[in-house]
Amino acid sequence: MMRRRPLRRAAVVGGVAAAAHHAGRRSAQAQAAEQEQDAQLAELQAQQAQPQYLPPPDAAAPPARDAGSSDMVTQLESLKKLLDEGVLTEQEFDTQKQKILASS
């Protein structure tokens, strides 16, 4: 019987040490999880600080026209207005339109 008591004490002491080791590991895991949550929270806050919608660069600007193209469009618009007002006939409009388009 004397022999069992020292073994029993060793088992109790070893068990306490194992439990303490396990508790330390669990604490380290909890700290790692908390750090990961903090990093995720910081990332989400950074995303919310950014504007929610940025229009594509091409969508915000009207289509680019060169100076010659812009002048041609203006002339065609003026001709169309004269046609709509009845100042020009359809044949005159077509003739002037062809001249403007040929000059480009």
Protein backbone atom coordinates (compact mmCIF):
# COMPACT_ATOMS: atom_id res chain seq x y z
CA MET A 1 0.00 0.00 0.00
CA MET A 2 2.81 2.34 0.58
CA ARG A 3 3.65 2.20 -3.03
CA ARG A 4 0.27 3.37 -4.28
CA ARG A 5 0.21 6.57 -2.34
CA PRO A 6 3.30 8.06 -3.97
CA LEU A 7 1.93 7.09 -7.38
CA ARG A 8 -1.38 8.64 -6.56
CA ARG A 9 0.35 11.86 -5.45
CA ALA A 10 2.41 11.90 -8.63
CA ALA A 11 -0.72 11.47 -10.69
CA VAL A 12 -2.40 14.36 -8.90
CA VAL A 13 0.66 16.59 -9.24
CA GLY A 14 1.12 15.62 -12.90
CA GLY A 15 -2.55 16.18 -13.57
CA VAL A 16 -2.39 19.67 -12.10
CA ALA A 17 0.65 20.48 -14.22
CA ALA A 18 -1.07 19.20 -17.35
CA ALA A 19 -4.18 21.22 -16.57
CA ALA A 20 -2.07 24.34 -16.04
CA HIS A 21 -0.28 23.71 -19.34
CA HIS A 22 -3.61 23.21 -21.11
CA ALA A 23 -5.00 26.39 -19.57
CA GLY A 24 -1.92 28.32 -20.76
CA ARG A 25 -2.37 27.01 -24.27
CA ARG A 26 -6.05 27.92 -24.23
CA SER A 27 -5.14 31.43 -23.05
CA ALA A 28 -2.64 31.80 -25.89
CA GLN A 29 -5.27 30.65 -28.38
CA ALA A 30 -7.76 33.14 -26.99
CA GLN A 31 -5.22 35.95 -27.33
CA ALA A 32 -4.48 34.95 -30.92
CA ALA A 33 -8.19 34.88 -31.74
CA GLU A 34 -8.66 38.30 -30.14
CA GLN A 35 -5.77 39.73 -32.17
CA GLU A 36 -7.28 38.31 -35.35
CA GLN A 37 -10.64 39.87 -34.50
CA ASP A 38 -8.96 43.22 -33.85
CA ALA A 39 -7.24 43.03 -37.25
CA GLN A 40 -10.54 42.21 -38.97
CA LEU A 41 -12.27 45.06 -37.16
CA ALA A 42 -9.55 47.51 -38.21
CA GLU A 43 -9.89 46.34 -41.82
CA LEU A 44 -13.66 46.81 -41.78
CA GLN A 45 -13.31 50.28 -40.29
CA ALA A 46 -10.82 51.20 -43.01
CA GLN A 47 -13.24 49.99 -45.68
CA GLN A 48 -16.07 52.05 -44.20
CA ALA A 49 -13.89 55.13 -44.16
CA GLN A 50 -13.47 54.85 -47.95
CA PRO A 51 -16.20 56.18 -50.28
CA GLN A 52 -18.83 53.56 -50.97
CA TYR A 53 -19.08 54.24 -54.71
CA LEU A 54 -16.53 55.58 -57.09
CA PRO A 55 -17.72 55.96 -60.68
CA PRO A 56 -15.45 54.49 -63.32
CA PRO A 57 -13.11 57.15 -64.70
CA ASP A 58 -14.54 56.88 -68.21
CA ALA A 59 -18.18 57.10 -67.09
CA ALA A 60 -17.76 60.47 -65.35
CA ALA A 61 -16.31 62.28 -68.36
CA PRO A 62 -18.18 62.82 -71.63
CA PRO A 63 -16.67 61.17 -74.67
CA ALA A 64 -13.58 63.01 -75.81
CA ARG A 65 -13.75 64.79 -79.14
CA ASP A 66 -10.95 66.44 -80.96
CA ALA A 67 -11.32 70.08 -82.09
CA GLY A 68 -12.14 69.19 -85.72
CA SER A 69 -14.78 66.68 -84.67
CA SER A 70 -16.35 69.15 -82.27
CA ASP A 71 -16.52 71.81 -84.98
CA MET A 72 -18.07 69.32 -87.43
CA VAL A 73 -20.71 68.30 -84.87
CA THR A 74 -21.56 71.94 -84.21
CA GLN A 75 -21.97 72.59 -87.94
CA LEU A 76 -24.19 69.53 -88.37
CA GLU A 77 -26.33 70.56 -85.42
CA SER A 78 -26.75 74.03 -86.91
CA LEU A 79 -27.77 72.51 -90.25
CA LYS A 80 -30.30 70.22 -88.55
CA LYS A 81 -31.78 73.19 -86.72
CA LEU A 82 -32.14 75.08 -90.03
CA LEU A 83 -33.79 72.02 -91.60
CA ASP A 84 -36.22 71.70 -88.67
CA GLU A 85 -37.11 75.40 -88.91
CA GLY A 86 -37.80 75.05 -92.63
CA VAL A 87 -35.01 77.36 -93.76
CA LEU A 88 -33.28 74.53 -95.67
CA THR A 89 -34.85 71.88 -97.82
CA GLU A 90 -33.99 68.22 -97.38
CA GLN A 91 -31.84 68.34 -100.53
CA GLU A 92 -29.92 71.42 -99.33
CA PHE A 93 -29.40 69.81 -95.95
CA ASP A 94 -28.03 66.61 -97.51
CA THR A 95 -25.70 68.57 -99.79
CA GLN A 96 -24.28 70.64 -96.94
CA LYS A 97 -23.99 67.58 -94.72
CA GLN A 98 -21.98 65.73 -97.37
CA LYS A 99 -19.64 68.71 -97.72
CA ILE A 100 -19.03 68.84 -93.96
CA LEU A 101 -18.47 65.08 -93.70
CA ALA A 102 -16.13 65.08 -96.72
CA SER A 103 -13.98 67.84 -95.22
CA SER A 104 -13.17 65.76 -92.14
